[in-house]
Amino acid sequence: MIVLDMTVVNIALPSIARGLHFSAAGLSWVLNAYALAFGGLLLLGGRAGDILGRRRVFMAGIALFTAASLAGGLATTAPWLLAARALQGVGGAIASPAVLALIVSGIVLIFVRIPHGELIYSVIGLVIFAGFTMFDFQRLRRSSDIASAPFLAASIFLDVLNVFLFFLRIFSGSGRD
C-alpha cells in the first residue's frame, strides 16, 4: 500500500491536473510532497519503532496514512491535496520500517525455534535463487538480450555461494545440536 501509492498517483496525475487545476510545475509536487516526507522521515520512523514498540508505531503510521489518504481523496483545492500527500508520506515513513522489522523478527523467530532452521533457510534460498537463475537463462535465450547477462551471472554466482554456505553449515557442525 505504501509503496504502491506513488504508482497509483502517477497514473491519476492527468485527472488530478484537470480536477484541481494544477500547473505542470505544481503537479510534480503531488509526487514530491509524498516522496520528500517519506524519504526524510524514514529513519525517524525506524528509530521510533525501536523506542516505542514496532507494533504500536506500525498501527499509528497506518492510521495516519489512512486518514491522510481519506483527506487527499476529499481534497477540493491544490494546497489541501499537497498537505494530505505530505501527511501520507509521514504516515508511510512511520509504518514502513516498523512493518519490515516485524516481518524480519517474525521470520527470525520461526527459524530459531525450528531444529536445523538455518539449514531449512539455506534450502529455501537455494530453491529461490535456482528459480531466478532459470528465469534469467530462459529470458536471455529467448530474447538474445545482452542486458540479461549480468543478472544471469549474478544468479549463478549466488547459487554457487548458497550451495557452498549450505554445505559449510552441514559439515562444520555450526548448528545448535
N, C-alpha and C. Protein backbone atom coordinates (compact mmCIF):
# COMPACT_ATOMS: atom_id res chain seq x y z
N MET A 1 0.84 -1.18 0.00
CA MET A 1 0.00 0.00 0.00
C MET A 1 0.88 1.24 0.00
N ILE A 2 1.89 1.25 0.85
CA ILE A 2 2.74 2.43 0.97
C ILE A 2 3.60 2.60 -0.28
N VAL A 3 4.12 1.52 -0.81
CA VAL A 3 4.97 1.59 -1.99
C VAL A 3 4.14 1.81 -3.25
N LEU A 4 2.98 1.19 -3.31
CA LEU A 4 2.11 1.34 -4.48
C LEU A 4 1.53 2.74 -4.63
N ASP A 5 1.55 3.51 -3.57
CA ASP A 5 0.94 4.83 -3.59
C ASP A 5 1.50 5.71 -4.69
N MET A 6 2.81 5.69 -4.87
CA MET A 6 3.43 6.53 -5.91
C MET A 6 2.95 6.12 -7.30
N THR A 7 2.81 4.82 -7.54
CA THR A 7 2.36 4.35 -8.84
C THR A 7 0.91 4.75 -9.10
N VAL A 8 0.07 4.59 -8.10
CA VAL A 8 -1.34 4.92 -8.25
C VAL A 8 -1.51 6.40 -8.54
N VAL A 9 -0.81 7.23 -7.80
CA VAL A 9 -0.93 8.67 -8.00
C VAL A 9 -0.33 9.07 -9.35
N ASN A 10 0.73 8.42 -9.76
CA ASN A 10 1.33 8.71 -11.06
C ASN A 10 0.33 8.47 -12.18
N ILE A 11 -0.44 7.42 -12.06
CA ILE A 11 -1.45 7.12 -13.07
C ILE A 11 -2.58 8.14 -13.02
N ALA A 12 -2.89 8.63 -11.83
CA ALA A 12 -4.01 9.56 -11.66
C ALA A 12 -3.63 11.02 -11.91
N LEU A 13 -2.39 11.32 -12.22
CA LEU A 13 -1.97 12.71 -12.38
C LEU A 13 -2.78 13.50 -13.42
N PRO A 14 -3.11 12.95 -14.58
CA PRO A 14 -3.92 13.75 -15.51
C PRO A 14 -5.29 14.13 -14.94
N SER A 15 -5.92 13.21 -14.23
CA SER A 15 -7.21 13.51 -13.62
C SER A 15 -7.06 14.54 -12.51
N ILE A 16 -6.00 14.43 -11.75
CA ILE A 16 -5.74 15.40 -10.68
C ILE A 16 -5.52 16.79 -11.28
N ALA A 17 -4.75 16.84 -12.36
CA ALA A 17 -4.48 18.13 -13.00
C ALA A 17 -5.77 18.78 -13.50
N ARG A 18 -6.66 17.99 -14.10
CA ARG A 18 -7.93 18.55 -14.59
C ARG A 18 -8.86 18.94 -13.45
N GLY A 19 -8.96 18.09 -12.44
CA GLY A 19 -9.91 18.32 -11.38
C GLY A 19 -9.54 19.45 -10.44
N LEU A 20 -8.24 19.60 -10.15
CA LEU A 20 -7.81 20.62 -9.18
C LEU A 20 -7.04 21.75 -9.82
N HIS A 21 -6.97 21.77 -11.14
CA HIS A 21 -6.35 22.86 -11.91
C HIS A 21 -4.89 23.09 -11.52
N PHE A 22 -4.14 22.00 -11.50
CA PHE A 22 -2.71 22.09 -11.22
C PHE A 22 -1.96 22.51 -12.47
N SER A 23 -0.90 23.29 -12.29
CA SER A 23 0.02 23.56 -13.40
C SER A 23 0.98 22.38 -13.51
N ALA A 24 1.77 22.37 -14.57
CA ALA A 24 2.72 21.27 -14.74
C ALA A 24 3.74 21.25 -13.59
N ALA A 25 4.20 22.43 -13.19
CA ALA A 25 5.16 22.50 -12.08
C ALA A 25 4.49 22.11 -10.76
N GLY A 26 3.27 22.55 -10.57
CA GLY A 26 2.56 22.21 -9.34
C GLY A 26 2.21 20.74 -9.27
N LEU A 27 2.00 20.13 -10.41
CA LEU A 27 1.65 18.71 -10.45
C LEU A 27 2.80 17.83 -9.97
N SER A 28 4.01 18.26 -10.23
CA SER A 28 5.16 17.47 -9.75
C SER A 28 5.20 17.43 -8.22
N TRP A 29 4.64 18.45 -7.57
CA TRP A 29 4.63 18.48 -6.11
C TRP A 29 3.67 17.46 -5.51
N VAL A 30 2.73 16.99 -6.30
CA VAL A 30 1.84 15.93 -5.80
C VAL A 30 2.66 14.69 -5.49
N LEU A 31 3.61 14.37 -6.33
CA LEU A 31 4.51 13.24 -6.08
C LEU A 31 5.61 13.60 -5.09
N ASN A 32 6.17 14.81 -5.25
CA ASN A 32 7.31 15.19 -4.42
C ASN A 32 6.94 15.40 -2.96
N ALA A 33 5.75 15.87 -2.67
CA ALA A 33 5.35 16.07 -1.27
C ALA A 33 5.39 14.75 -0.52
N TYR A 34 4.90 13.69 -1.15
CA TYR A 34 4.93 12.36 -0.54
C TYR A 34 6.37 11.86 -0.43
N ALA A 35 7.11 11.96 -1.53
CA ALA A 35 8.46 11.39 -1.56
C ALA A 35 9.39 12.08 -0.56
N LEU A 36 9.28 13.40 -0.45
CA LEU A 36 10.15 14.12 0.48
C LEU A 36 9.84 13.78 1.93
N ALA A 37 8.56 13.74 2.26
CA ALA A 37 8.18 13.39 3.63
C ALA A 37 8.54 11.94 3.95
N PHE A 38 8.29 11.04 3.01
CA PHE A 38 8.58 9.63 3.22
C PHE A 38 10.09 9.41 3.39
N GLY A 39 10.86 9.91 2.43
CA GLY A 39 12.30 9.71 2.48
C GLY A 39 12.97 10.42 3.63
N GLY A 40 12.48 11.60 3.96
CA GLY A 40 13.09 12.38 5.02
C GLY A 40 12.83 11.83 6.41
N LEU A 41 11.73 11.15 6.61
CA LEU A 41 11.36 10.70 7.95
C LEU A 41 11.48 9.18 8.14
N LEU A 42 12.01 8.49 7.16
CA LEU A 42 12.11 7.03 7.23
C LEU A 42 12.98 6.57 8.41
N LEU A 43 14.12 7.21 8.59
CA LEU A 43 15.00 6.83 9.70
C LEU A 43 14.35 7.14 11.05
N LEU A 44 13.66 8.26 11.11
CA LEU A 44 12.97 8.61 12.35
C LEU A 44 11.88 7.59 12.67
N GLY A 45 11.17 7.12 11.64
CA GLY A 45 10.15 6.08 11.85
C GLY A 45 10.75 4.79 12.37
N GLY A 46 11.90 4.41 11.84
CA GLY A 46 12.57 3.20 12.33
C GLY A 46 13.02 3.34 13.77
N ARG A 47 13.56 4.49 14.10
CA ARG A 47 14.00 4.69 15.48
C ARG A 47 12.82 4.75 16.43
N ALA A 48 11.73 5.38 15.99
CA ALA A 48 10.52 5.41 16.83
C ALA A 48 10.01 4.00 17.10
N GLY A 49 10.09 3.13 16.10
CA GLY A 49 9.68 1.74 16.29
C GLY A 49 10.56 1.03 17.31
N ASP A 50 11.85 1.33 17.29
CA ASP A 50 12.76 0.72 18.27
C ASP A 50 12.45 1.18 19.69
N ILE A 51 12.12 2.45 19.83
CA ILE A 51 11.92 3.01 21.17
C ILE A 51 10.51 2.73 21.70
N LEU A 52 9.49 2.98 20.87
CA LEU A 52 8.11 2.92 21.33
C LEU A 52 7.44 1.57 21.12
N GLY A 53 8.06 0.70 20.37
CA GLY A 53 7.46 -0.60 20.06
C GLY A 53 7.00 -0.63 18.62
N ARG A 54 7.43 -1.67 17.92
CA ARG A 54 7.17 -1.74 16.49
C ARG A 54 5.69 -1.84 16.16
N ARG A 55 4.96 -2.64 16.89
CA ARG A 55 3.54 -2.83 16.59
C ARG A 55 2.76 -1.54 16.81
N ARG A 56 3.04 -0.85 17.88
CA ARG A 56 2.35 0.41 18.19
C ARG A 56 2.66 1.47 17.12
N VAL A 57 3.93 1.57 16.73
CA VAL A 57 4.33 2.55 15.72
C VAL A 57 3.73 2.19 14.36
N PHE A 58 3.69 0.91 14.05
CA PHE A 58 3.08 0.48 12.79
C PHE A 58 1.60 0.88 12.74
N MET A 59 0.89 0.62 13.80
CA MET A 59 -0.54 0.96 13.83
C MET A 59 -0.75 2.47 13.73
N ALA A 60 0.09 3.25 14.41
CA ALA A 60 -0.03 4.71 14.32
C ALA A 60 0.27 5.19 12.91
N GLY A 61 1.30 4.63 12.28
CA GLY A 61 1.64 5.02 10.92
C GLY A 61 0.55 4.67 9.92
N ILE A 62 -0.03 3.49 10.05
CA ILE A 62 -1.12 3.09 9.15
C ILE A 62 -2.34 3.96 9.38
N ALA A 63 -2.63 4.30 10.64
CA ALA A 63 -3.78 5.17 10.92
C ALA A 63 -3.57 6.55 10.30
N LEU A 64 -2.37 7.11 10.44
CA LEU A 64 -2.09 8.41 9.83
C LEU A 64 -2.13 8.33 8.32
N PHE A 65 -1.56 7.28 7.75
CA PHE A 65 -1.57 7.11 6.30
C PHE A 65 -3.01 7.00 5.77
N THR A 66 -3.84 6.24 6.46
CA THR A 66 -5.24 6.06 6.04
C THR A 66 -6.02 7.36 6.16
N ALA A 67 -5.84 8.07 7.25
CA ALA A 67 -6.55 9.35 7.43
C ALA A 67 -6.10 10.36 6.37
N ALA A 68 -4.80 10.39 6.09
CA ALA A 68 -4.30 11.31 5.07
C ALA A 68 -4.78 10.90 3.68
N SER A 69 -4.93 9.61 3.43
CA SER A 69 -5.47 9.15 2.15
C SER A 69 -6.91 9.60 1.98
N LEU A 70 -7.68 9.50 3.06
CA LEU A 70 -9.06 9.98 3.02
C LEU A 70 -9.10 11.48 2.78
N ALA A 71 -8.24 12.22 3.46
CA ALA A 71 -8.19 13.67 3.27
C ALA A 71 -7.79 14.02 1.83
N GLY A 72 -6.85 13.27 1.27
CA GLY A 72 -6.45 13.50 -0.11
C GLY A 72 -7.56 13.19 -1.10
N GLY A 73 -8.31 12.15 -0.81
CA GLY A 73 -9.43 11.81 -1.68
C GLY A 73 -10.55 12.82 -1.63
N LEU A 74 -10.69 13.51 -0.51
CA LEU A 74 -11.73 14.53 -0.34
C LEU A 74 -11.24 15.93 -0.69
N ALA A 75 -9.98 16.07 -1.09
CA ALA A 75 -9.39 17.39 -1.36
C ALA A 75 -10.12 18.10 -2.49
N THR A 76 -10.39 19.38 -2.26
CA THR A 76 -11.04 20.21 -3.28
C THR A 76 -10.13 21.30 -3.79
N THR A 77 -9.00 21.50 -3.13
CA THR A 77 -8.03 22.52 -3.58
C THR A 77 -6.64 21.89 -3.64
N ALA A 78 -5.77 22.55 -4.37
CA ALA A 78 -4.41 22.05 -4.53
C ALA A 78 -3.63 22.02 -3.21
N PRO A 79 -3.67 23.09 -2.40
CA PRO A 79 -2.92 23.03 -1.13
C PRO A 79 -3.42 21.92 -0.20
N TRP A 80 -4.71 21.66 -0.21
CA TRP A 80 -5.27 20.60 0.61
C TRP A 80 -4.69 19.25 0.18
N LEU A 81 -4.65 19.02 -1.13
CA LEU A 81 -4.11 17.76 -1.64
C LEU A 81 -2.63 17.63 -1.30
N LEU A 82 -1.86 18.72 -1.45
CA LEU A 82 -0.43 18.65 -1.16
C LEU A 82 -0.18 18.39 0.33
N ALA A 83 -0.97 18.99 1.19
CA ALA A 83 -0.82 18.73 2.63
C ALA A 83 -1.17 17.27 2.95
N ALA A 84 -2.22 16.76 2.31
CA ALA A 84 -2.60 15.37 2.53
C ALA A 84 -1.51 14.42 2.02
N ARG A 85 -0.91 14.75 0.89
CA ARG A 85 0.17 13.91 0.36
C ARG A 85 1.38 13.92 1.28
N ALA A 86 1.70 15.08 1.85
CA ALA A 86 2.82 15.15 2.80
C ALA A 86 2.51 14.32 4.05
N LEU A 87 1.28 14.38 4.52
CA LEU A 87 0.90 13.57 5.69
C LEU A 87 0.92 12.08 5.36
N GLN A 88 0.56 11.73 4.12
CA GLN A 88 0.68 10.33 3.71
C GLN A 88 2.13 9.89 3.77
N GLY A 89 3.03 10.74 3.33
CA GLY A 89 4.45 10.42 3.40
C GLY A 89 4.93 10.22 4.82
N VAL A 90 4.44 11.07 5.74
CA VAL A 90 4.80 10.92 7.15
C VAL A 90 4.27 9.59 7.69
N GLY A 91 3.01 9.27 7.40
CA GLY A 91 2.44 8.01 7.85
C GLY A 91 3.17 6.81 7.26
N GLY A 92 3.52 6.89 5.99
CA GLY A 92 4.27 5.80 5.36
C GLY A 92 5.65 5.64 5.95
N ALA A 93 6.30 6.77 6.26
CA ALA A 93 7.64 6.72 6.85
C ALA A 93 7.60 6.15 8.26
N ILE A 94 6.50 6.32 8.94
CA ILE A 94 6.37 5.76 10.28
C ILE A 94 6.06 4.26 10.21
N ALA A 95 5.19 3.87 9.29
CA ALA A 95 4.73 2.49 9.22
C ALA A 95 5.71 1.55 8.53
N SER A 96 6.37 2.01 7.49
CA SER A 96 7.19 1.13 6.66
C SER A 96 8.33 0.44 7.42
N PRO A 97 9.18 1.16 8.15
CA PRO A 97 10.25 0.44 8.87
C PRO A 97 9.71 -0.49 9.95
N ALA A 98 8.60 -0.08 10.56
CA ALA A 98 8.04 -0.92 11.63
C ALA A 98 7.53 -2.24 11.08
N VAL A 99 6.84 -2.21 9.94
CA VAL A 99 6.30 -3.46 9.39
C VAL A 99 7.43 -4.35 8.89
N LEU A 100 8.47 -3.77 8.31
CA LEU A 100 9.60 -4.58 7.86
C LEU A 100 10.31 -5.22 9.04
N ALA A 101 10.45 -4.49 10.13
CA ALA A 101 11.07 -5.05 11.33
C ALA A 101 10.21 -6.16 11.92
N LEU A 102 8.89 -5.98 11.90
CA LEU A 102 8.00 -7.03 12.41
C LEU A 102 8.11 -8.30 11.57
N ILE A 103 8.18 -8.14 10.26
CA ILE A 103 8.29 -9.30 9.37
C ILE A 103 9.61 -10.03 9.60
N VAL A 104 10.70 -9.28 9.62
CA VAL A 104 12.01 -9.90 9.79
C VAL A 104 12.13 -10.57 11.15
N SER A 105 11.67 -9.91 12.20
CA SER A 105 11.77 -10.53 13.52
C SER A 105 10.90 -11.78 13.62
N GLY A 106 9.76 -11.79 12.93
CA GLY A 106 8.92 -12.99 12.90
C GLY A 106 9.59 -14.13 12.17
N ILE A 107 10.25 -13.85 11.07
CA ILE A 107 10.95 -14.89 10.32
C ILE A 107 12.12 -15.43 11.13
N VAL A 108 12.85 -14.55 11.78
CA VAL A 108 13.99 -14.99 12.59
C VAL A 108 13.50 -15.88 13.73
N LEU A 109 12.40 -15.52 14.37
CA LEU A 109 11.87 -16.35 15.45
C LEU A 109 11.46 -17.73 14.96
N ILE A 110 10.88 -17.80 13.77
CA ILE A 110 10.49 -19.09 13.22
C ILE A 110 11.71 -19.99 13.04
N PHE A 111 12.78 -19.44 12.46
CA PHE A 111 13.94 -20.26 12.19
C PHE A 111 14.77 -20.55 13.43
N VAL A 112 14.65 -19.72 14.46
CA VAL A 112 15.36 -20.01 15.70
C VAL A 112 14.67 -21.14 16.45
N ARG A 113 13.36 -21.20 16.39
CA ARG A 113 12.62 -22.21 17.13
C ARG A 113 12.62 -23.58 16.46
N ILE A 114 12.80 -23.63 15.15
CA ILE A 114 12.78 -24.89 14.43
C ILE A 114 14.17 -25.54 14.51
N PRO A 115 14.24 -26.83 14.86
CA PRO A 115 15.54 -27.50 14.83
C PRO A 115 16.10 -27.48 13.40
N HIS A 116 17.35 -27.15 13.26
CA HIS A 116 18.02 -27.06 11.97
C HIS A 116 17.37 -26.00 11.08
N GLY A 117 16.89 -24.93 11.70
CA GLY A 117 16.23 -23.86 10.94
C GLY A 117 17.14 -23.20 9.93
N GLU A 118 18.44 -23.10 10.27
CA GLU A 118 19.36 -22.48 9.33
C GLU A 118 19.47 -23.31 8.05
N LEU A 119 19.45 -24.62 8.20
CA LEU A 119 19.53 -25.48 7.02
C LEU A 119 18.28 -25.36 6.16
N ILE A 120 17.14 -25.27 6.81
CA ILE A 120 15.89 -25.09 6.06
C ILE A 120 15.93 -23.77 5.31
N TYR A 121 16.43 -22.73 5.98
CA TYR A 121 16.54 -21.42 5.35
C TYR A 121 17.49 -21.48 4.15
N SER A 122 18.58 -22.21 4.28
CA SER A 122 19.53 -22.34 3.17
C SER A 122 18.89 -23.05 1.98
N VAL A 123 18.11 -24.09 2.24
CA VAL A 123 17.45 -24.81 1.15
C VAL A 123 16.43 -23.90 0.46
N ILE A 124 15.67 -23.14 1.24
CA ILE A 124 14.71 -22.22 0.64
C ILE A 124 15.43 -21.20 -0.24
N GLY A 125 16.53 -20.65 0.26
CA GLY A 125 17.30 -19.70 -0.53
C GLY A 125 17.85 -20.32 -1.79
N LEU A 126 18.31 -21.55 -1.70
CA LEU A 126 18.85 -22.25 -2.86
C LEU A 126 17.77 -22.43 -3.92
N VAL A 127 16.58 -22.83 -3.50
CA VAL A 127 15.48 -23.04 -4.45
C VAL A 127 15.08 -21.72 -5.10
N ILE A 128 15.02 -20.66 -4.32
CA ILE A 128 14.64 -19.35 -4.88
C ILE A 128 15.67 -18.88 -5.89
N PHE A 129 16.95 -18.95 -5.54
CA PHE A 129 17.97 -18.50 -6.47
C PHE A 129 18.06 -19.39 -7.69
N ALA A 130 17.82 -20.68 -7.54
CA ALA A 130 17.80 -21.56 -8.71
C ALA A 130 16.67 -21.17 -9.65
N GLY A 131 15.53 -20.81 -9.08
CA GLY A 131 14.41 -20.36 -9.91
C GLY A 131 14.74 -19.09 -10.66
N PHE A 132 15.38 -18.12 -9.97
CA PHE A 132 15.78 -16.89 -10.64
C PHE A 132 16.79 -17.17 -11.74
N THR A 133 17.71 -18.09 -11.48
CA THR A 133 18.70 -18.42 -12.50
C THR A 133 18.03 -19.00 -13.74
N MET A 134 17.09 -19.91 -13.55
CA MET A 134 16.39 -20.50 -14.70
C MET A 134 15.58 -19.44 -15.44
N PHE A 135 14.95 -18.53 -14.70
CA PHE A 135 14.18 -17.46 -15.33
C PHE A 135 15.09 -16.57 -16.16
N ASP A 136 16.25 -16.17 -15.59
CA ASP A 136 17.17 -15.31 -16.33
C ASP A 136 17.74 -16.03 -17.55
N PHE A 137 18.03 -17.33 -17.40
CA PHE A 137 18.58 -18.08 -18.52
C PHE A 137 17.56 -18.17 -19.66
N GLN A 138 16.28 -18.45 -19.32
CA GLN A 138 15.24 -18.53 -20.34
C GLN A 138 15.05 -17.18 -21.03
N ARG A 139 15.08 -16.11 -20.23
CA ARG A 139 14.90 -14.78 -20.80
C ARG A 139 16.04 -14.42 -21.74
N LEU A 140 17.26 -14.76 -21.35
CA LEU A 140 18.42 -14.48 -22.19
C LEU A 140 18.37 -15.30 -23.47
N ARG A 141 17.94 -16.56 -23.35
CA ARG A 141 17.90 -17.43 -24.52
C ARG A 141 16.83 -16.98 -25.52
N ARG A 142 15.67 -16.54 -25.03
CA ARG A 142 14.57 -16.15 -25.91
C ARG A 142 14.81 -14.82 -26.60
N SER A 143 15.32 -13.85 -25.86
CA SER A 143 15.37 -12.51 -26.41
C SER A 143 16.72 -12.11 -26.97
N SER A 144 17.73 -12.90 -26.71
CA SER A 144 19.10 -12.55 -27.10
C SER A 144 19.45 -11.17 -26.56
N ASP A 145 18.91 -10.88 -25.41
CA ASP A 145 19.11 -9.57 -24.78
C ASP A 145 20.36 -9.64 -23.92
N ILE A 146 21.38 -8.93 -24.31
CA ILE A 146 22.64 -8.98 -23.59
C ILE A 146 22.53 -8.31 -22.22
N ALA A 147 21.50 -7.48 -22.03
CA ALA A 147 21.32 -6.82 -20.73
C ALA A 147 20.97 -7.82 -19.64
N SER A 148 20.45 -8.99 -20.02
CA SER A 148 20.11 -10.01 -19.02
C SER A 148 21.32 -10.78 -18.54
N ALA A 149 22.42 -10.71 -19.28
CA ALA A 149 23.61 -11.50 -18.93
C ALA A 149 24.14 -11.19 -17.53
N PRO A 150 24.24 -9.93 -17.11
CA PRO A 150 24.73 -9.70 -15.74
C PRO A 150 23.82 -10.30 -14.66
N PHE A 151 22.51 -10.29 -14.90
CA PHE A 151 21.59 -10.88 -13.93
C PHE A 151 21.78 -12.39 -13.87
N LEU A 152 21.98 -13.00 -15.02
CA LEU A 152 22.23 -14.44 -15.06
C LEU A 152 23.53 -14.76 -14.33
N ALA A 153 24.57 -13.98 -14.57
CA ALA A 153 25.85 -14.22 -13.91
C ALA A 153 25.71 -14.04 -12.39
N ALA A 154 24.99 -13.01 -11.98
CA ALA A 154 24.79 -12.79 -10.55
C ALA A 154 23.99 -13.92 -9.92
N SER A 155 22.97 -14.41 -10.62
CA SER A 155 22.17 -15.52 -10.09
C SER A 155 23.00 -16.78 -9.95
N ILE A 156 23.82 -17.07 -10.95
CA ILE A 156 24.67 -18.27 -10.88
C ILE A 156 25.67 -18.12 -9.74
N PHE A 157 26.26 -16.94 -9.60
CA PHE A 157 27.20 -16.71 -8.50
C PHE A 157 26.53 -16.92 -7.15
N LEU A 158 25.32 -16.37 -6.98
CA LEU A 158 24.61 -16.52 -5.72
C LEU A 158 24.20 -17.97 -5.47
N ASP A 159 23.85 -18.70 -6.54
CA ASP A 159 23.56 -20.13 -6.39
C ASP A 159 24.77 -20.88 -5.85
N VAL A 160 25.90 -20.66 -6.47
CA VAL A 160 27.12 -21.35 -6.06
C VAL A 160 27.49 -20.97 -4.63
N LEU A 161 27.39 -19.68 -4.31
CA LEU A 161 27.69 -19.23 -2.95
C LEU A 161 26.73 -19.84 -1.94
N ASN A 162 25.47 -19.93 -2.27
CA ASN A 162 24.49 -20.50 -1.36
C ASN A 162 24.74 -21.99 -1.15
N VAL A 163 25.08 -22.72 -2.20
CA VAL A 163 25.39 -24.14 -2.06
C VAL A 163 26.63 -24.32 -1.18
N PHE A 164 27.63 -23.48 -1.41
CA PHE A 164 28.85 -23.56 -0.60
C PHE A 164 28.53 -23.31 0.88
N LEU A 165 27.76 -22.26 1.16
CA LEU A 165 27.41 -21.95 2.56
C LEU A 165 26.53 -23.05 3.17
N PHE A 166 25.65 -23.62 2.35
CA PHE A 166 24.80 -24.71 2.82
C PHE A 166 25.65 -25.89 3.30
N PHE A 167 26.59 -26.34 2.46
CA PHE A 167 27.43 -27.47 2.83
C PHE A 167 28.42 -27.10 3.94
N LEU A 168 28.85 -25.87 3.97
CA LEU A 168 29.73 -25.42 5.05
C LEU A 168 29.02 -25.53 6.40
N ARG A 169 27.74 -25.18 6.44
CA ARG A 169 26.99 -25.29 7.68
C ARG A 169 26.76 -26.75 8.08
N ILE A 170 26.54 -27.59 7.09
CA ILE A 170 26.31 -29.01 7.39
C ILE A 170 27.57 -29.64 7.95
N PHE A 171 28.68 -29.44 7.27
CA PHE A 171 29.90 -30.14 7.64
C PHE A 171 30.69 -29.47 8.76
N SER A 172 30.42 -28.24 9.04
CA SER A 172 31.16 -27.57 10.12
C SER A 172 30.51 -27.82 11.47
N GLY A 173 29.28 -28.33 11.47
CA GLY A 173 28.60 -28.59 12.73
C GLY A 173 28.26 -27.31 13.47
N SER A 174 27.89 -26.26 12.71
CA SER A 174 27.60 -24.98 13.34
C SER A 174 26.18 -24.89 13.87
N GLY A 175 25.45 -26.00 13.89
CA GLY A 175 24.09 -25.99 14.42
C GLY A 175 24.08 -25.94 15.94
N ARG A 176 22.90 -25.92 16.53
CA ARG A 176 22.77 -25.81 17.98
C ARG A 176 22.51 -27.17 18.62
N ASP A 177 22.92 -28.25 17.98
CA ASP A 177 22.60 -29.60 18.47
C ASP A 177 23.00 -29.79 19.88
